[in-house]
Amino acid sequence: MRIFSFEKLIAWQKSRELAMLIFTTTKKFPKDELFGLTSQMRRCSVSIASNLAEGSGRNSMKDKARFSEIAYSLH
């Protein structure tokens, strides 16, 4: 099985752990928060790992840095 370069990043690994923790925790939130705080927290946690992964596929260092910057600013 092929391992992508972003999967070796500790930041990416930790962001996946964070996303799983957020999803587990928000399951316990009230149902009336499903489309409010719960949705926002889940989307945010997933986007950290997504931005790191997308940035690793960019050709220029400037693009890679930009996606890392976006991921960092989300937490």
C-alpha atoms as a PDB file:
ATOM      1  CA  MET A   1       0.000   0.000   0.000  1.00  0.00           C
ATOM      2  CA  ARG A   2       1.339   3.423  -0.957  1.00  0.00           C
ATOM      3  CA  ILE A   3       1.898   5.996   1.780  1.00  0.00           C
ATOM      4  CA  PHE A   4       1.582   9.625   0.741  1.00  0.00           C
ATOM      5  CA  SER A   5       4.073  12.166   2.060  1.00  0.00           C
ATOM      6  CA  PHE A   6       1.455  14.035   4.098  1.00  0.00           C
ATOM      7  CA  GLU A   7       0.626  10.850   6.020  1.00  0.00           C
ATOM      8  CA  LYS A   8       4.113  10.992   7.534  1.00  0.00           C
ATOM      9  CA  LEU A   9       3.495  14.465   8.975  1.00  0.00           C
ATOM     10  CA  ILE A  10       2.902  14.437  12.717  1.00  0.00           C
ATOM     11  CA  ALA A  11       0.599  17.428  12.277  1.00  0.00           C
ATOM     12  CA  TRP A  12      -1.560  15.441   9.826  1.00  0.00           C
ATOM     13  CA  GLN A  13      -1.659  12.420  12.150  1.00  0.00           C
ATOM     14  CA  LYS A  14      -2.630  14.578  15.126  1.00  0.00           C
ATOM     15  CA  SER A  15      -5.297  16.381  13.089  1.00  0.00           C
ATOM     16  CA  ARG A  16      -6.877  13.014  12.254  1.00  0.00           C
ATOM     17  CA  GLU A  17      -6.887  12.132  15.937  1.00  0.00           C
ATOM     18  CA  LEU A  18      -8.460  15.498  16.709  1.00  0.00           C
ATOM     19  CA  ALA A  19     -11.161  14.969  14.085  1.00  0.00           C
ATOM     20  CA  MET A  20     -12.047  11.566  15.542  1.00  0.00           C
ATOM     21  CA  LEU A  21     -12.186  13.082  19.035  1.00  0.00           C
ATOM     22  CA  ILE A  22     -14.393  15.944  17.818  1.00  0.00           C
ATOM     23  CA  PHE A  23     -16.803  13.537  16.080  1.00  0.00           C
ATOM     24  CA  THR A  24     -17.002  11.341  19.193  1.00  0.00           C
ATOM     25  CA  THR A  25     -17.542  14.313  21.481  1.00  0.00           C
ATOM     26  CA  THR A  26     -20.120  16.062  19.301  1.00  0.00           C
ATOM     27  CA  LYS A  27     -22.246  12.903  19.144  1.00  0.00           C
ATOM     28  CA  LYS A  28     -23.138  13.728  22.744  1.00  0.00           C
ATOM     29  CA  PHE A  29     -24.237  17.283  21.925  1.00  0.00           C
ATOM     30  CA  PRO A  30     -27.963  18.113  21.904  1.00  0.00           C
ATOM     31  CA  LYS A  31     -29.773  17.382  18.651  1.00  0.00           C
ATOM     32  CA  ASP A  32     -30.748  21.033  18.274  1.00  0.00           C
ATOM     33  CA  GLU A  33     -27.027  21.817  17.854  1.00  0.00           C
ATOM     34  CA  LEU A  34     -26.609  19.409  14.942  1.00  0.00           C
ATOM     35  CA  PHE A  35     -26.641  22.142  12.300  1.00  0.00           C
ATOM     36  CA  GLY A  36     -24.948  24.752  14.457  1.00  0.00           C
ATOM     37  CA  LEU A  37     -21.960  24.211  16.671  1.00  0.00           C
ATOM     38  CA  THR A  38     -21.681  20.464  15.961  1.00  0.00           C
ATOM     39  CA  SER A  39     -21.493  20.955  12.206  1.00  0.00           C
ATOM     40  CA  GLN A  40     -19.000  23.804  12.477  1.00  0.00           C
ATOM     41  CA  MET A  41     -16.674  21.885  14.809  1.00  0.00           C
ATOM     42  CA  ARG A  42     -16.744  18.783  12.618  1.00  0.00           C
ATOM     43  CA  ARG A  43     -16.073  20.679   9.386  1.00  0.00           C
ATOM     44  CA  CYS A  44     -13.238  22.607  10.975  1.00  0.00           C
ATOM     45  CA  SER A  45     -11.536  19.510  12.365  1.00  0.00           C
ATOM     46  CA  VAL A  46     -11.689  17.705   9.031  1.00  0.00           C
ATOM     47  CA  SER A  47     -10.407  20.703   7.089  1.00  0.00           C
ATOM     48  CA  ILE A  48      -7.109  20.761   9.022  1.00  0.00           C
ATOM     49  CA  ALA A  49      -6.100  17.326   7.704  1.00  0.00           C
ATOM     50  CA  SER A  50      -7.587  18.109   4.293  1.00  0.00           C
ATOM     51  CA  ASN A  51      -5.546  21.291   3.858  1.00  0.00           C
ATOM     52  CA  LEU A  52      -2.316  19.549   4.868  1.00  0.00           C
ATOM     53  CA  ALA A  53      -3.032  16.753   2.398  1.00  0.00           C
ATOM     54  CA  GLU A  54      -3.954  19.112  -0.423  1.00  0.00           C
ATOM     55  CA  GLY A  55      -0.906  21.288   0.176  1.00  0.00           C
ATOM     56  CA  SER A  56       1.429  18.308  -0.055  1.00  0.00           C
ATOM     57  CA  GLY A  57       0.253  17.694  -3.604  1.00  0.00           C
ATOM     58  CA  ARG A  58       1.137  21.190  -4.787  1.00  0.00           C
ATOM     59  CA  ASN A  59       4.206  21.743  -6.930  1.00  0.00           C
ATOM     60  CA  SER A  60       5.532  25.022  -5.595  1.00  0.00           C
ATOM     61  CA  MET A  61       6.801  25.587  -2.076  1.00  0.00           C
ATOM     62  CA  LYS A  62       4.688  28.751  -1.956  1.00  0.00           C
ATOM     63  CA  ASP A  63       1.482  26.762  -2.560  1.00  0.00           C
ATOM     64  CA  LYS A  64       2.503  24.112  -0.029  1.00  0.00           C
ATOM     65  CA  ALA A  65       3.226  26.787   2.546  1.00  0.00           C
ATOM     66  CA  ARG A  66      -0.123  28.471   1.913  1.00  0.00           C
ATOM     67  CA  PHE A  67      -2.121  25.293   2.602  1.00  0.00           C
ATOM     68  CA  SER A  68      -0.064  24.627   5.745  1.00  0.00           C
ATOM     69  CA  GLU A  69      -0.779  28.177   6.855  1.00  0.00           C
ATOM     70  CA  ILE A  70      -4.508  27.639   6.333  1.00  0.00           C
ATOM     71  CA  ALA A  71      -4.425  24.376   8.305  1.00  0.00           C
ATOM     72  CA  TYR A  72      -2.492  26.017  11.130  1.00  0.00           C
ATOM     73  CA  SER A  73      -4.873  28.958  11.374  1.00  0.00           C
ATOM     74  CA  LEU A  74      -7.882  26.650  11.819  1.00  0.00           C
ATOM     75  CA  HIS A  75      -6.916  25.362  15.216  1.00  0.00           C
END
